[in-house]
Protein backbone atom coordinates (compact mmCIF):
# COMPACT_ATOMS: atom_id res chain seq x y z
CA UNK A 1 -2.50 14.18 19.42
CA UNK A 2 -1.48 10.48 19.18
CA UNK A 3 -2.33 8.22 22.07
CA UNK A 4 0.39 6.82 24.33
CA UNK A 5 0.83 3.61 22.34
CA UNK A 6 -0.33 2.18 19.02
CA UNK A 7 -3.48 0.11 19.28
CA UNK A 8 -2.50 -3.32 20.69
CA UNK A 9 -5.62 -5.07 19.48
CA UNK A 10 -4.18 -5.82 16.05
CA UNK A 11 -1.49 -8.30 17.19
CA UNK A 12 -3.53 -11.42 16.27
CA UNK A 13 -4.42 -9.75 12.96
CA UNK A 14 -0.74 -9.25 12.11
CA UNK A 15 -0.09 -12.91 12.97
CA UNK A 16 -2.77 -13.74 10.41
CA UNK A 17 -1.11 -11.46 7.85
CA UNK A 18 2.24 -13.22 8.36
CA UNK A 19 0.57 -16.59 7.77
CA UNK A 20 -1.11 -15.26 4.63
CA UNK A 21 2.24 -14.02 3.28
CA UNK A 22 3.67 -17.51 3.67
CA UNK A 23 0.48 -18.91 2.16
CA UNK A 24 0.97 -16.68 -0.89
CA UNK A 25 4.42 -18.16 -1.52
CA UNK A 26 3.18 -21.73 -1.06
CA UNK A 27 -0.04 -21.30 -3.08
CA UNK A 28 1.61 -19.41 -5.94
CA UNK A 29 4.33 -22.08 -6.13
CA UNK A 30 1.63 -24.77 -6.18
CA UNK A 31 -0.17 -22.85 -8.94
CA UNK A 32 3.05 -22.79 -10.98
CA UNK A 33 3.44 -26.54 -10.56
CA UNK A 34 -0.20 -27.11 -11.53
CA UNK A 35 -0.02 -24.82 -14.58
CA UNK A 36 -0.16 -27.06 -17.67
CA UNK A 37 1.37 -24.53 -20.09
CA UNK A 38 1.22 -26.18 -23.48
CA UNK A 39 1.69 -29.68 -24.79
CA UNK A 40 5.45 -29.71 -24.08
CA UNK A 41 6.14 -27.35 -21.18
CA UNK A 42 4.55 -26.06 -17.99
CA UNK A 43 5.05 -22.73 -16.25
CA UNK A 44 8.20 -20.77 -17.14
CA UNK A 45 9.39 -18.63 -14.22
CA UNK A 46 11.26 -16.27 -16.57
CA UNK A 47 8.71 -16.06 -19.40
CA UNK A 48 5.26 -16.32 -17.79
CA UNK A 49 3.64 -13.62 -15.67
CA UNK A 50 1.83 -14.28 -12.41
CA UNK A 51 -1.35 -13.42 -14.31
CA UNK A 52 -0.83 -16.43 -16.56
CA UNK A 53 -1.58 -18.59 -13.53
CA UNK A 54 -5.08 -17.11 -13.34
CA UNK A 55 -6.23 -17.75 -16.90
CA UNK A 56 -9.08 -20.14 -17.64
CA UNK A 57 -7.03 -21.69 -20.43
CA UNK A 58 -3.29 -21.58 -21.07
CA UNK A 59 -1.50 -20.15 -24.10
CA UNK A 60 -1.45 -23.73 -25.37
CA UNK A 61 -5.29 -23.79 -25.02
CA UNK A 62 -5.26 -26.31 -22.15
CA UNK A 63 -7.75 -26.02 -19.24
CA UNK A 64 -6.21 -24.31 -16.22
CA UNK A 65 -8.74 -24.66 -13.39
CA UNK A 66 -6.41 -25.92 -10.64
CA UNK A 67 -3.79 -23.21 -11.18
CA UNK A 68 -6.46 -20.51 -11.46
CA UNK A 69 -8.08 -21.47 -8.14
CA UNK A 70 -4.70 -21.58 -6.36
CA UNK A 71 -3.75 -18.17 -7.80
CA UNK A 72 -7.00 -16.55 -6.63
CA UNK A 73 -6.50 -18.03 -3.16
CA UNK A 74 -2.90 -16.73 -3.08
CA UNK A 75 -3.83 -13.07 -3.61
CA UNK A 76 -6.98 -12.97 -1.47
CA UNK A 77 -5.21 -12.08 1.80
CA UNK A 78 -3.44 -8.90 0.62
CA UNK A 79 -6.05 -6.38 1.91
CA UNK A 80 -5.76 -7.71 5.47
CA UNK A 81 -2.30 -6.17 6.04
CA UNK A 82 -3.52 -2.63 5.48
CA UNK A 83 -6.58 -3.18 7.63
CA UNK A 84 -4.20 -4.17 10.43
CA UNK A 85 -1.88 -1.22 9.86
CA UNK A 86 -4.80 1.20 10.10
CA UNK A 87 -5.15 -0.02 13.70
CA UNK A 88 -1.40 0.24 14.30
CA UNK A 89 -0.88 3.91 13.41
CA UNK A 90 -2.62 6.76 15.19
CA UNK A 91 -1.97 9.63 12.77
CA UNK A 92 -5.60 9.41 11.75
CA UNK A 93 -5.68 11.33 8.48
CA UNK A 94 -2.49 10.02 6.90
CA UNK A 95 -2.82 6.51 8.34
CA UNK A 96 -6.44 6.27 7.25
CA UNK A 97 -5.66 7.58 3.76
CA UNK A 98 -2.72 5.19 3.46
CA UNK A 99 -4.75 2.24 4.65
CA UNK A 100 -7.60 3.08 2.28
CA UNK A 101 -5.12 3.16 -0.60
CA UNK A 102 -3.69 -0.14 0.62
CA UNK A 103 -7.13 -1.71 0.82
CA UNK A 104 -7.82 -0.44 -2.70
CA UNK A 105 -4.55 -2.05 -3.83
CA UNK A 106 -5.50 -5.34 -2.19
CA UNK A 107 -8.94 -5.31 -3.77
CA UNK A 108 -7.39 -4.45 -7.14
CA UNK A 109 -5.06 -7.46 -6.82
CA UNK A 110 -8.14 -9.60 -6.19
CA UNK A 111 -9.64 -7.96 -9.29
CA UNK A 112 -6.54 -9.02 -11.24
CA UNK A 113 -7.13 -12.62 -10.18
CA UNK A 114 -10.89 -12.44 -10.80
CA UNK A 115 -10.57 -11.15 -14.38
CA UNK A 116 -8.47 -13.67 -16.35
CA UNK A 117 -6.58 -11.82 -19.08
CA UNK A 118 -7.59 -14.36 -21.72
CA UNK A 119 -11.25 -13.32 -21.15
CA UNK A 120 -11.11 -9.71 -19.90
CA UNK A 121 -7.76 -8.30 -21.00
CA UNK A 122 -8.49 -4.57 -20.70
CA UNK A 123 -10.18 -4.90 -17.30
CA UNK A 124 -7.41 -7.19 -16.08
CA UNK A 125 -4.69 -4.72 -17.13
CA UNK A 126 -6.56 -1.80 -15.53
CA UNK A 127 -6.81 -3.68 -12.22
CA UNK A 128 -3.10 -4.51 -12.38
CA UNK A 129 -2.02 -0.91 -13.00
CA UNK A 130 -4.26 0.45 -10.25
CA UNK A 131 -3.09 -2.23 -7.81
CA UNK A 132 0.54 -1.12 -8.02
CA UNK A 133 -0.28 2.60 -8.15
CA UNK A 134 -2.51 2.32 -5.07
CA UNK A 135 0.16 0.29 -3.27
CA UNK A 136 2.69 3.05 -4.09
CA UNK A 137 0.33 5.70 -2.69
CA UNK A 138 -0.22 3.63 0.46
CA UNK A 139 3.54 3.24 0.98
CA UNK A 140 4.16 6.97 0.59
CA UNK A 141 1.33 7.96 2.95
CA UNK A 142 2.36 5.42 5.60
CA UNK A 143 5.97 6.56 5.31
CA UNK A 144 4.93 10.12 6.17
CA UNK A 145 2.61 8.92 8.96
CA UNK A 146 5.43 6.89 10.55
CA UNK A 147 7.92 9.76 10.13
CA UNK A 148 5.53 12.04 12.05
CA UNK A 149 5.06 9.56 14.89
CA UNK A 150 8.21 9.31 17.09
CA UNK A 151 6.79 6.30 18.95
CA UNK A 152 7.09 4.08 15.86
CA UNK A 153 10.56 2.51 15.40
CA UNK A 154 12.41 3.96 12.42
CA UNK A 155 12.86 0.59 10.74
CA UNK A 156 9.16 0.72 9.79
CA UNK A 157 9.87 3.98 7.99
CA UNK A 158 12.80 2.40 6.16
CA UNK A 159 10.74 -0.53 4.88
CA UNK A 160 7.81 1.60 3.72
CA UNK A 161 10.19 4.05 2.03
CA UNK A 162 11.86 1.09 0.34
CA UNK A 163 8.41 -0.11 -0.77
CA UNK A 164 7.75 3.29 -2.31
CA UNK A 165 11.06 3.39 -4.21
CA UNK A 166 10.80 -0.07 -5.74
CA UNK A 167 7.10 0.39 -6.53
CA UNK A 168 7.83 3.71 -8.27
CA UNK A 169 10.54 1.96 -10.29
CA UNK A 170 8.15 -0.84 -11.26
CA UNK A 171 5.33 1.53 -12.21
CA UNK A 172 7.88 3.28 -14.44
CA UNK A 173 8.83 -0.08 -15.96
CA UNK A 174 5.18 -0.92 -16.65
CA UNK A 175 4.50 2.33 -18.47
CA UNK A 176 7.90 3.15 -19.99
CA UNK A 177 9.67 -0.20 -20.17
CA UNK A 178 10.06 -2.47 -23.20
CA UNK A 179 7.05 -4.11 -24.82
CA UNK A 180 6.05 -7.62 -23.81
CA UNK A 181 5.58 -8.40 -27.50
CA UNK A 182 9.34 -8.81 -27.95
CA UNK A 183 11.23 -11.75 -26.34
CA UNK A 184 13.72 -9.52 -24.50
CA UNK A 185 11.01 -7.09 -23.42
CA UNK A 186 8.86 -9.90 -22.08
CA UNK A 187 11.74 -11.30 -20.01
CA UNK A 188 12.47 -7.85 -18.55
CA UNK A 189 8.81 -7.24 -17.67
CA UNK A 190 8.39 -10.74 -16.19
CA UNK A 191 11.57 -10.37 -14.14
CA UNK A 192 10.43 -6.95 -12.91
CA UNK A 193 7.03 -8.29 -11.88
CA UNK A 194 8.45 -11.31 -10.08
CA UNK A 195 10.99 -9.11 -8.25
CA UNK A 196 8.45 -6.53 -7.07
CA UNK A 197 5.85 -9.09 -6.00
CA UNK A 198 8.28 -11.15 -3.92
CA UNK A 199 9.81 -8.00 -2.41
CA UNK A 200 6.30 -6.88 -1.45
CA UNK A 201 5.51 -10.24 0.16
CA UNK A 202 8.80 -10.31 2.09
CA UNK A 203 8.37 -6.68 3.16
CA UNK A 204 4.77 -7.20 4.32
CA UNK A 205 5.79 -10.34 6.19
CA UNK A 206 8.61 -8.51 7.97
CA UNK A 207 6.40 -5.50 8.79
CA UNK A 208 3.61 -7.71 10.09
CA UNK A 209 5.93 -9.72 12.34
CA UNK A 210 7.66 -6.57 13.64
CA UNK A 211 4.31 -4.86 14.32
CA UNK A 212 3.03 -7.96 16.10
CA UNK A 213 6.12 -8.14 18.34
CA UNK A 214 5.92 -4.42 19.15
CA UNK A 215 2.27 -4.58 20.08
CA UNK A 216 2.70 -7.71 22.19
CA UNK A 217 5.61 -6.06 24.02
CA UNK A 218 3.45 -3.03 24.81
CA UNK A 219 0.62 -5.25 26.02
CA UNK A 220 3.11 -7.00 28.35
CA UNK A 221 4.33 -3.67 29.71
CA UNK A 222 0.71 -2.79 30.41
């Protein structure tokens, strides 16, 4: 049986998560600016993947240390959100399973950053696929956990369900979409990746801020 209120101890943690979401936007933008590209052009928002920021050398064979370091820093905070949400939900089995999947997704995203595709392509691609699949599983499990807990406001359910739908669509695009070896296919895949990543960041930021406010309100009520 759930306790009277979700655990209030995670409020500072969610504040940290919100800061890390903003840090991701700032650091990834800085990595794009630092990316040397080739001799004539830098980072192309519509033609280069996020993973291109994390390579040791660019497609034009230029050193890419600054962008790579910024990219690794940008993705390092992802696991923290799911650690916080494990403390927020009390449906122990579903919440724990969802949070474990979320932590696996966060660690896989770090694996994506830690295995530059120009050096470890197969490992890099495996981390990327598992990151999004694990995030999809986490969203589905947390959606069910929130649906079963009447104390949690329904807007949390809406956001996690939305996560699940767009993640399922993107996983489908990764496996069934056009090849990145054609110009049109590459643009579609890049646009899909940019869309899903920024939706994830905005959704996590909103969830973290809403969870923080709810927990602080319950602390105030005693």
